[in-house]
Amino acid sequence: MVLNGNELGSGSIRIHRRDIQATVFTALGLTAEEAQKKFGFLLEALEYGAPPHGGIALGLDRLIMILCGENSLRESDSVPEDCEGDGHDVRGSE
């Protein structure tokens, strides 16, 4: 979902096929044995035919940015982060 060139929300269809999930594990460098050991429960569940499912998440922080007339999330974010991704006001400075 886009408003005036700003992405407000997005979503996707989750992997619901065993063969595609196995291909992803292979692409991530897992052997079939490693994938089975770590994620066998998921691969087995997908054998039974999970229905396609997905979702969308709205970025309320971006909507607030637009409503405040700001061009940057840093100006309207309640927990601003520095360039390294640390929110010092919440976690304390190091």
PDB file of N, CA and C in Angstrom:
ATOM      1  N   MET A   1       0.853  -1.165   0.000  1.00  0.00           N
ATOM      2  CA  MET A   1       0.000   0.000   0.000  1.00  0.00           C
ATOM      3  C   MET A   1       0.903   1.233   0.000  1.00  0.00           C
ATOM      4  N   VAL A   2       0.643   2.130  -0.941  1.00  0.00           N
ATOM      5  CA  VAL A   2       1.481   3.318  -1.113  1.00  0.00           C
ATOM      6  C   VAL A   2       0.612   4.568  -1.051  1.00  0.00           C
ATOM      7  N   LEU A   3       1.091   5.592  -0.364  1.00  0.00           N
ATOM      8  CA  LEU A   3       0.416   6.882  -0.289  1.00  0.00           C
ATOM      9  C   LEU A   3       1.417   7.965  -0.642  1.00  0.00           C
ATOM     10  N   ASN A   4       1.151   8.684  -1.722  1.00  0.00           N
ATOM     11  CA  ASN A   4       2.030   9.774  -2.162  1.00  0.00           C
ATOM     12  C   ASN A   4       3.493   9.337  -2.260  1.00  0.00           C
ATOM     13  N   GLY A   5       3.720   8.138  -2.765  1.00  0.00           N
ATOM     14  CA  GLY A   5       5.079   7.641  -2.944  1.00  0.00           C
ATOM     15  C   GLY A   5       5.708   7.041  -1.709  1.00  0.00           C
ATOM     16  N   ASN A   6       4.971   6.967  -0.598  1.00  0.00           N
ATOM     17  CA  ASN A   6       5.494   6.371   0.638  1.00  0.00           C
ATOM     18  C   ASN A   6       4.820   5.031   0.885  1.00  0.00           C
ATOM     19  N   GLU A   7       5.640   4.018   1.125  1.00  0.00           N
ATOM     20  CA  GLU A   7       5.093   2.699   1.425  1.00  0.00           C
ATOM     21  C   GLU A   7       4.509   2.704   2.836  1.00  0.00           C
ATOM     22  N   LEU A   8       3.212   2.410   2.941  1.00  0.00           N
ATOM     23  CA  LEU A   8       2.558   2.359   4.252  1.00  0.00           C
ATOM     24  C   LEU A   8       2.444   0.936   4.784  1.00  0.00           C
ATOM     25  N   GLY A   9       2.380  -0.009   3.886  1.00  0.00           N
ATOM     26  CA  GLY A   9       2.241  -1.386   4.324  1.00  0.00           C
ATOM     27  C   GLY A   9       2.578  -2.334   3.197  1.00  0.00           C
ATOM     28  N   SER A  10       2.900  -3.558   3.580  1.00  0.00           N
ATOM     29  CA  SER A  10       3.207  -4.568   2.579  1.00  0.00           C
ATOM     30  C   SER A  10       2.909  -5.942   3.162  1.00  0.00           C
ATOM     31  N   GLY A  11       2.919  -6.925   2.299  1.00  0.00           N
ATOM     32  CA  GLY A  11       2.638  -8.274   2.744  1.00  0.00           C
ATOM     33  C   GLY A  11       3.156  -9.287   1.752  1.00  0.00           C
ATOM     34  N   SER A  12       2.896 -10.539   2.042  1.00  0.00           N
ATOM     35  CA  SER A  12       3.360 -11.599   1.156  1.00  0.00           C
ATOM     36  C   SER A  12       2.571 -12.874   1.425  1.00  0.00           C
ATOM     37  N   ILE A  13       2.682 -13.787   0.486  1.00  0.00           N
ATOM     38  CA  ILE A  13       2.155 -15.131   0.684  1.00  0.00           C
ATOM     39  C   ILE A  13       3.298 -15.967   1.244  1.00  0.00           C
ATOM     40  N   ARG A  14       3.061 -16.649   2.334  1.00  0.00           N
ATOM     41  CA  ARG A  14       4.096 -17.460   2.974  1.00  0.00           C
ATOM     42  C   ARG A  14       4.323 -18.746   2.189  1.00  0.00           C
ATOM     43  N   ILE A  15       5.488 -19.331   2.369  1.00  0.00           N
ATOM     44  CA  ILE A  15       5.790 -20.609   1.717  1.00  0.00           C
ATOM     45  C   ILE A  15       4.849 -21.661   2.295  1.00  0.00           C
ATOM     46  N   HIS A  16       4.143 -22.354   1.411  1.00  0.00           N
ATOM     47  CA  HIS A  16       3.196 -23.374   1.863  1.00  0.00           C
ATOM     48  C   HIS A  16       3.391 -24.697   1.122  1.00  0.00           C
ATOM     49  N   ARG A  17       4.525 -24.809   0.419  1.00  0.00           N
ATOM     50  CA  ARG A  17       4.851 -26.050  -0.285  1.00  0.00           C
ATOM     51  C   ARG A  17       6.199 -26.575   0.203  1.00  0.00           C
ATOM     52  N   ARG A  18       6.243 -27.882   0.491  1.00  0.00           N
ATOM     53  CA  ARG A  18       7.455 -28.504   1.009  1.00  0.00           C
ATOM     54  C   ARG A  18       8.624 -28.365   0.040  1.00  0.00           C
ATOM     55  N   ASP A  19       8.381 -28.561  -1.254  1.00  0.00           N
ATOM     56  CA  ASP A  19       9.475 -28.509  -2.229  1.00  0.00           C
ATOM     57  C   ASP A  19      10.114 -27.120  -2.297  1.00  0.00           C
ATOM     58  N   ILE A  20       9.309 -26.081  -2.201  1.00  0.00           N
ATOM     59  CA  ILE A  20       9.863 -24.721  -2.228  1.00  0.00           C
ATOM     60  C   ILE A  20      10.652 -24.452  -0.953  1.00  0.00           C
ATOM     61  N   GLN A  21      10.129 -24.894   0.202  1.00  0.00           N
ATOM     62  CA  GLN A  21      10.848 -24.689   1.469  1.00  0.00           C
ATOM     63  C   GLN A  21      12.172 -25.429   1.448  1.00  0.00           C
ATOM     64  N   ALA A  22      12.196 -26.636   0.911  1.00  0.00           N
ATOM     65  CA  ALA A  22      13.440 -27.397   0.817  1.00  0.00           C
ATOM     66  C   ALA A  22      14.438 -26.684  -0.091  1.00  0.00           C
ATOM     67  N   THR A  23      13.963 -26.085  -1.183  1.00  0.00           N
ATOM     68  CA  THR A  23      14.832 -25.327  -2.088  1.00  0.00           C
ATOM     69  C   THR A  23      15.429 -24.120  -1.380  1.00  0.00           C
ATOM     70  N   VAL A  24      14.640 -23.456  -0.551  1.00  0.00           N
ATOM     71  CA  VAL A  24      15.150 -22.306   0.214  1.00  0.00           C
ATOM     72  C   VAL A  24      16.240 -22.757   1.177  1.00  0.00           C
ATOM     73  N   PHE A  25      16.009 -23.856   1.869  1.00  0.00           N
ATOM     74  CA  PHE A  25      17.036 -24.365   2.787  1.00  0.00           C
ATOM     75  C   PHE A  25      18.323 -24.684   2.043  1.00  0.00           C
ATOM     76  N   THR A  26      18.211 -25.272   0.862  1.00  0.00           N
ATOM     77  CA  THR A  26      19.389 -25.574   0.046  1.00  0.00           C
ATOM     78  C   THR A  26      20.098 -24.288  -0.357  1.00  0.00           C
ATOM     79  N   ALA A  27      19.338 -23.284  -0.765  1.00  0.00           N
ATOM     80  CA  ALA A  27      19.922 -21.997  -1.151  1.00  0.00           C
ATOM     81  C   ALA A  27      20.641 -21.335   0.023  1.00  0.00           C
ATOM     82  N   LEU A  28      20.166 -21.611   1.234  1.00  0.00           N
ATOM     83  CA  LEU A  28      20.800 -21.058   2.432  1.00  0.00           C
ATOM     84  C   LEU A  28      22.033 -21.858   2.856  1.00  0.00           C
ATOM     85  N   GLY A  29      22.309 -22.944   2.129  1.00  0.00           N
ATOM     86  CA  GLY A  29      23.506 -23.727   2.420  1.00  0.00           C
ATOM     87  C   GLY A  29      23.290 -24.895   3.358  1.00  0.00           C
ATOM     88  N   LEU A  30      22.043 -25.223   3.668  1.00  0.00           N
ATOM     89  CA  LEU A  30      21.773 -26.367   4.526  1.00  0.00           C
ATOM     90  C   LEU A  30      21.713 -27.636   3.688  1.00  0.00           C
ATOM     91  N   THR A  31      22.321 -28.696   4.194  1.00  0.00           N
ATOM     92  CA  THR A  31      22.156 -29.988   3.536  1.00  0.00           C
ATOM     93  C   THR A  31      20.764 -30.513   3.878  1.00  0.00           C
ATOM     94  N   ALA A  32      20.329 -31.519   3.141  1.00  0.00           N
ATOM     95  CA  ALA A  32      19.020 -32.118   3.414  1.00  0.00           C
ATOM     96  C   ALA A  32      18.963 -32.658   4.839  1.00  0.00           C
ATOM     97  N   GLU A  33      20.085 -33.213   5.298  1.00  0.00           N
ATOM     98  CA  GLU A  33      20.136 -33.762   6.658  1.00  0.00           C
ATOM     99  C   GLU A  33      20.029 -32.655   7.710  1.00  0.00           C
ATOM    100  N   GLU A  34      20.743 -31.543   7.495  1.00  0.00           N
ATOM    101  CA  GLU A  34      20.669 -30.411   8.426  1.00  0.00           C
ATOM    102  C   GLU A  34      19.264 -29.826   8.466  1.00  0.00           C
ATOM    103  N   ALA A  35      18.659 -29.675   7.291  1.00  0.00           N
ATOM    104  CA  ALA A  35      17.304 -29.133   7.226  1.00  0.00           C
ATOM    105  C   ALA A  35      16.338 -30.040   7.964  1.00  0.00           C
ATOM    106  N   GLN A  36      16.498 -31.336   7.791  1.00  0.00           N
ATOM    107  CA  GLN A  36      15.608 -32.284   8.473  1.00  0.00           C
ATOM    108  C   GLN A  36      15.806 -32.220   9.986  1.00  0.00           C
ATOM    109  N   LYS A  37      17.073 -32.139  10.417  1.00  0.00           N
ATOM    110  CA  LYS A  37      17.357 -32.100  11.855  1.00  0.00           C
ATOM    111  C   LYS A  37      16.820 -30.825  12.503  1.00  0.00           C
ATOM    112  N   LYS A  38      17.000 -29.673  11.835  1.00  0.00           N
ATOM    113  CA  LYS A  38      16.603 -28.392  12.414  1.00  0.00           C
ATOM    114  C   LYS A  38      15.147 -28.028  12.152  1.00  0.00           C
ATOM    115  N   PHE A  39      14.625 -28.429  10.997  1.00  0.00           N
ATOM    116  CA  PHE A  39      13.288 -27.992  10.594  1.00  0.00           C
ATOM    117  C   PHE A  39      12.403 -29.138  10.131  1.00  0.00           C
ATOM    118  N   GLY A  40      12.710 -30.345  10.575  1.00  0.00           N
ATOM    119  CA  GLY A  40      11.932 -31.508  10.163  1.00  0.00           C
ATOM    120  C   GLY A  40      10.455 -31.373  10.482  1.00  0.00           C
ATOM    121  N   PHE A  41      10.147 -30.755  11.612  1.00  0.00           N
ATOM    122  CA  PHE A  41       8.747 -30.571  12.008  1.00  0.00           C
ATOM    123  C   PHE A  41       7.990 -29.748  10.964  1.00  0.00           C
ATOM    124  N   LEU A  42       8.646 -28.718  10.422  1.00  0.00           N
ATOM    125  CA  LEU A  42       8.015 -27.870   9.419  1.00  0.00           C
ATOM    126  C   LEU A  42       7.871 -28.608   8.092  1.00  0.00           C
ATOM    127  N   LEU A  43       8.937 -29.266   7.674  1.00  0.00           N
ATOM    128  CA  LEU A  43       8.888 -29.999   6.410  1.00  0.00           C
ATOM    129  C   LEU A  43       7.820 -31.082   6.452  1.00  0.00           C
ATOM    130  N   GLU A  44       7.703 -31.762   7.587  1.00  0.00           N
ATOM    131  CA  GLU A  44       6.671 -32.797   7.722  1.00  0.00           C
ATOM    132  C   GLU A  44       5.272 -32.186   7.671  1.00  0.00           C
ATOM    133  N   ALA A  45       5.094 -31.067   8.348  1.00  0.00           N
ATOM    134  CA  ALA A  45       3.785 -30.405   8.344  1.00  0.00           C
ATOM    135  C   ALA A  45       3.394 -29.977   6.937  1.00  0.00           C
ATOM    136  N   LEU A  46       4.359 -29.505   6.160  1.00  0.00           N
ATOM    137  CA  LEU A  46       4.071 -29.049   4.806  1.00  0.00           C
ATOM    138  C   LEU A  46       3.706 -30.210   3.879  1.00  0.00           C
ATOM    139  N   GLU A  47       4.090 -31.431   4.237  1.00  0.00           N
ATOM    140  CA  GLU A  47       3.722 -32.604   3.442  1.00  0.00           C
ATOM    141  C   GLU A  47       2.214 -32.830   3.452  1.00  0.00           C
ATOM    142  N   TYR A  48       1.543 -32.366   4.493  1.00  0.00           N
ATOM    143  CA  TYR A  48       0.098 -32.577   4.619  1.00  0.00           C
ATOM    144  C   TYR A  48      -0.715 -31.531   3.862  1.00  0.00           C
ATOM    145  N   GLY A  49      -0.039 -30.550   3.270  1.00  0.00           N
ATOM    146  CA  GLY A  49      -0.735 -29.583   2.437  1.00  0.00           C
ATOM    147  C   GLY A  49      -1.280 -28.384   3.173  1.00  0.00           C
ATOM    148  N   ALA A  50      -0.396 -27.539   3.649  1.00  0.00           N
ATOM    149  CA  ALA A  50      -0.832 -26.297   4.296  1.00  0.00           C
ATOM    150  C   ALA A  50      -1.493 -25.402   3.254  1.00  0.00           C
ATOM    151  N   PRO A  51      -2.572 -24.732   3.605  1.00  0.00           N
ATOM    152  CA  PRO A  51      -3.221 -23.842   2.641  1.00  0.00           C
ATOM    153  C   PRO A  51      -2.376 -22.586   2.423  1.00  0.00           C
ATOM    154  N   PRO A  52      -2.481 -21.975   1.258  1.00  0.00           N
ATOM    155  CA  PRO A  52      -1.788 -20.693   1.062  1.00  0.00           C
ATOM    156  C   PRO A  52      -2.274 -19.686   2.101  1.00  0.00           C
ATOM    157  N   HIS A  53      -1.351 -18.971   2.679  1.00  0.00           N
ATOM    158  CA  HIS A  53      -1.713 -17.986   3.699  1.00  0.00           C
ATOM    159  C   HIS A  53      -0.756 -16.803   3.610  1.00  0.00           C
ATOM    160  N   GLY A  54      -1.217 -15.671   3.989  1.00  0.00           N
ATOM    161  CA  GLY A  54      -0.392 -14.480   3.918  1.00  0.00           C
ATOM    162  C   GLY A  54      -0.913 -13.413   4.854  1.00  0.00           C
ATOM    163  N   GLY A  55      -0.350 -12.266   4.724  1.00  0.00           N
ATOM    164  CA  GLY A  55      -0.773 -11.180   5.589  1.00  0.00           C
ATOM    165  C   GLY A  55      -0.231  -9.859   5.101  1.00  0.00           C
ATOM    166  N   ILE A  56      -0.689  -8.822   5.739  1.00  0.00           N
ATOM    167  CA  ILE A  56      -0.225  -7.468   5.448  1.00  0.00           C
ATOM    168  C   ILE A  56       0.019  -6.769   6.775  1.00  0.00           C
ATOM    169  N   ALA A  57       1.044  -5.966   6.798  1.00  0.00           N
ATOM    170  CA  ALA A  57       1.356  -5.193   7.998  1.00  0.00           C
ATOM    171  C   ALA A  57       1.427  -3.721   7.604  1.00  0.00           C
ATOM    172  N   LEU A  58       0.724  -2.912   8.323  1.00  0.00           N
ATOM    173  CA  LEU A  58       0.732  -1.469   8.064  1.00  0.00           C
ATOM    174  C   LEU A  58       1.828  -0.807   8.883  1.00  0.00           C
ATOM    175  N   GLY A  59       2.521   0.126   8.267  1.00  0.00           N
ATOM    176  CA  GLY A  59       3.562   0.872   8.962  1.00  0.00           C
ATOM    177  C   GLY A  59       2.985   2.151   9.539  1.00  0.00           C
ATOM    178  N   LEU A  60       2.448   2.060  10.736  1.00  0.00           N
ATOM    179  CA  LEU A  60       1.833   3.244  11.349  1.00  0.00           C
ATOM    180  C   LEU A  60       2.848   4.360  11.547  1.00  0.00           C
ATOM    181  N   ASP A  61       4.120   3.986  11.734  1.00  0.00           N
ATOM    182  CA  ASP A  61       5.148   5.019  11.885  1.00  0.00           C
ATOM    183  C   ASP A  61       5.259   5.865  10.623  1.00  0.00           C
ATOM    184  N   ARG A  62       5.125   5.256   9.471  1.00  0.00           N
ATOM    185  CA  ARG A  62       5.190   6.007   8.213  1.00  0.00           C
ATOM    186  C   ARG A  62       3.960   6.883   8.037  1.00  0.00           C
ATOM    187  N   LEU A  63       2.798   6.376   8.434  1.00  0.00           N
ATOM    188  CA  LEU A  63       1.580   7.179   8.342  1.00  0.00           C
ATOM    189  C   LEU A  63       1.689   8.408   9.248  1.00  0.00           C
ATOM    190  N   ILE A  64       2.205   8.216  10.448  1.00  0.00           N
ATOM    191  CA  ILE A  64       2.393   9.342  11.375  1.00  0.00           C
ATOM    192  C   ILE A  64       3.377  10.350  10.786  1.00  0.00           C
ATOM    193  N   MET A  65       4.437   9.864  10.138  1.00  0.00           N
ATOM    194  CA  MET A  65       5.403  10.744   9.494  1.00  0.00           C
ATOM    195  C   MET A  65       4.708  11.636   8.465  1.00  0.00           C
ATOM    196  N   ILE A  66       3.843  11.027   7.645  1.00  0.00           N
ATOM    197  CA  ILE A  66       3.122  11.786   6.617  1.00  0.00           C
ATOM    198  C   ILE A  66       2.170  12.784   7.259  1.00  0.00           C
ATOM    199  N   LEU A  67       1.434  12.344   8.279  1.00  0.00           N
ATOM    200  CA  LEU A  67       0.479  13.229   8.946  1.00  0.00           C
ATOM    201  C   LEU A  67       1.170  14.405   9.629  1.00  0.00           C
ATOM    202  N   CYS A  68       2.403  14.187  10.077  1.00  0.00           N
ATOM    203  CA  CYS A  68       3.175  15.264  10.713  1.00  0.00           C
ATOM    204  C   CYS A  68       3.871  16.152   9.691  1.00  0.00           C
ATOM    205  N   GLY A  69       3.793  15.786   8.417  1.00  0.00           N
ATOM    206  CA  GLY A  69       4.422  16.586   7.376  1.00  0.00           C
ATOM    207  C   GLY A  69       5.924  16.448   7.327  1.00  0.00           C
ATOM    208  N   GLU A  70       6.445  15.347   7.833  1.00  0.00           N
ATOM    209  CA  GLU A  70       7.895  15.132   7.853  1.00  0.00           C
ATOM    210  C   GLU A  70       8.332  14.331   6.635  1.00  0.00           C
ATOM    211  N   ASN A  71       9.601  14.436   6.289  1.00  0.00           N
ATOM    212  CA  ASN A  71      10.174  13.689   5.173  1.00  0.00           C
ATOM    213  C   ASN A  71      11.013  12.510   5.633  1.00  0.00           C
ATOM    214  N   SER A  72      11.217  12.385   6.932  1.00  0.00           N
ATOM    215  CA  SER A  72      12.068  11.327   7.470  1.00  0.00           C
ATOM    216  C   SER A  72      11.412  10.708   8.699  1.00  0.00           C
ATOM    217  N   LEU A  73      11.526   9.388   8.818  1.00  0.00           N
ATOM    218  CA  LEU A  73      11.000   8.717  10.011  1.00  0.00           C
ATOM    219  C   LEU A  73      11.696   9.195  11.280  1.00  0.00           C
ATOM    220  N   ARG A  74      12.932   9.607  11.161  1.00  0.00           N
ATOM    221  CA  ARG A  74      13.686  10.072  12.331  1.00  0.00           C
ATOM    222  C   ARG A  74      13.019  11.268  13.010  1.00  0.00           C
ATOM    223  N   GLU A  75      12.294  12.055  12.243  1.00  0.00           N
ATOM    224  CA  GLU A  75      11.663  13.253  12.791  1.00  0.00           C
ATOM    225  C   GLU A  75      10.376  12.955  13.543  1.00  0.00           C
ATOM    226  N   SER A  76       9.757  11.807  13.286  1.00  0.00           N
ATOM    227  CA  SER A  76       8.477  11.514  13.929  1.00  0.00           C
ATOM    228  C   SER A  76       8.486  10.213  14.716  1.00  0.00           C
ATOM    229  N   ASP A  77       9.606   9.504  14.721  1.00  0.00           N
ATOM    230  CA  ASP A  77       9.686   8.219  15.413  1.00  0.00           C
ATOM    231  C   ASP A  77       9.792   8.439  16.919  1.00  0.00           C
ATOM    232  N   SER A  78       8.997   7.677  17.663  1.00  0.00           N
ATOM    233  CA  SER A  78       9.022   7.827  19.125  1.00  0.00           C
ATOM    234  C   SER A  78      10.267   7.209  19.739  1.00  0.00           C
ATOM    235  N   VAL A  79      10.927   6.313  19.022  1.00  0.00           N
ATOM    236  CA  VAL A  79      12.159   5.695  19.498  1.00  0.00           C
ATOM    237  C   VAL A  79      13.210   5.843  18.399  1.00  0.00           C
ATOM    238  N   PRO A  80      13.791   7.035  18.254  1.00  0.00           N
ATOM    239  CA  PRO A  80      14.761   7.243  17.179  1.00  0.00           C
ATOM    240  C   PRO A  80      16.014   6.400  17.387  1.00  0.00           C
ATOM    241  N   GLU A  81      16.612   6.005  16.287  1.00  0.00           N
ATOM    242  CA  GLU A  81      17.837   5.216  16.337  1.00  0.00           C
ATOM    243  C   GLU A  81      18.962   6.014  15.702  1.00  0.00           C
ATOM    244  N   ASP A  82      20.179   5.732  16.158  1.00  0.00           N
ATOM    245  CA  ASP A  82      21.321   6.384  15.527  1.00  0.00           C
ATOM    246  C   ASP A  82      21.712   5.612  14.273  1.00  0.00           C
ATOM    247  N   CYS A  83      22.804   5.976  13.647  1.00  0.00           N
ATOM    248  CA  CYS A  83      23.220   5.357  12.386  1.00  0.00           C
ATOM    249  C   CYS A  83      23.538   3.872  12.529  1.00  0.00           C
ATOM    250  N   GLU A  84      23.795   3.419  13.739  1.00  0.00           N
ATOM    251  CA  GLU A  84      24.116   2.010  13.966  1.00  0.00           C
ATOM    252  C   GLU A  84      22.889   1.207  14.392  1.00  0.00           C
ATOM    253  N   GLY A  85      21.719   1.839  14.405  1.00  0.00           N
ATOM    254  CA  GLY A  85      20.500   1.134  14.756  1.00  0.00           C
ATOM    255  C   GLY A  85      20.240   1.011  16.246  1.00  0.00           C
ATOM    256  N   ASP A  86      20.933   1.792  17.048  1.00  0.00           N
ATOM    257  CA  ASP A  86      20.730   1.749  18.498  1.00  0.00           C
ATOM    258  C   ASP A  86      19.769   2.849  18.927  1.00  0.00           C
ATOM    259  N   GLY A  87      18.715   2.472  19.653  1.00  0.00           N
ATOM    260  CA  GLY A  87      17.814   3.459  20.218  1.00  0.00           C
ATOM    261  C   GLY A  87      18.283   3.807  21.611  1.00  0.00           C
ATOM    262  N   HIS A  88      19.193   4.754  21.703  1.00  0.00           N
ATOM    263  CA  HIS A  88      19.836   5.064  22.980  1.00  0.00           C
ATOM    264  C   HIS A  88      18.872   5.525  24.062  1.00  0.00           C
ATOM    265  N   ASP A  89      17.758   6.131  23.664  1.00  0.00           N
ATOM    266  CA  ASP A  89      16.826   6.612  24.683  1.00  0.00           C
ATOM    267  C   ASP A  89      16.151   5.467  25.401  1.00  0.00           C
ATOM    268  N   VAL A  90      16.097   4.295  24.803  1.00  0.00           N
ATOM    269  CA  VAL A  90      15.462   3.139  25.421  1.00  0.00           C
ATOM    270  C   VAL A  90      16.487   2.219  26.051  1.00  0.00           C
ATOM    271  N   ARG A  91      17.580   1.966  25.358  1.00  0.00           N
ATOM    272  CA  ARG A  91      18.575   0.999  25.800  1.00  0.00           C
ATOM    273  C   ARG A  91      19.692   1.623  26.613  1.00  0.00           C
ATOM    274  N   GLY A  92      19.786   2.930  26.591  1.00  0.00           N
ATOM    275  CA  GLY A  92      20.877   3.612  27.295  1.00  0.00           C
ATOM    276  C   GLY A  92      22.106   3.685  26.426  1.00  0.00           C
ATOM    277  N   SER A  93      22.921   4.674  26.631  1.00  0.00           N
ATOM    278  CA  SER A  93      24.132   4.812  25.833  1.00  0.00           C
ATOM    279  C   SER A  93      25.194   3.844  26.316  1.00  0.00           C
ATOM    280  N   GLU A  94      26.053   3.490  25.399  1.00  0.00           N
ATOM    281  CA  GLU A  94      27.110   2.515  25.728  1.00  0.00           C
ATOM    282  C   GLU A  94      28.455   3.176  25.779  1.00  0.00           C
TER     283      GLU A  94
END
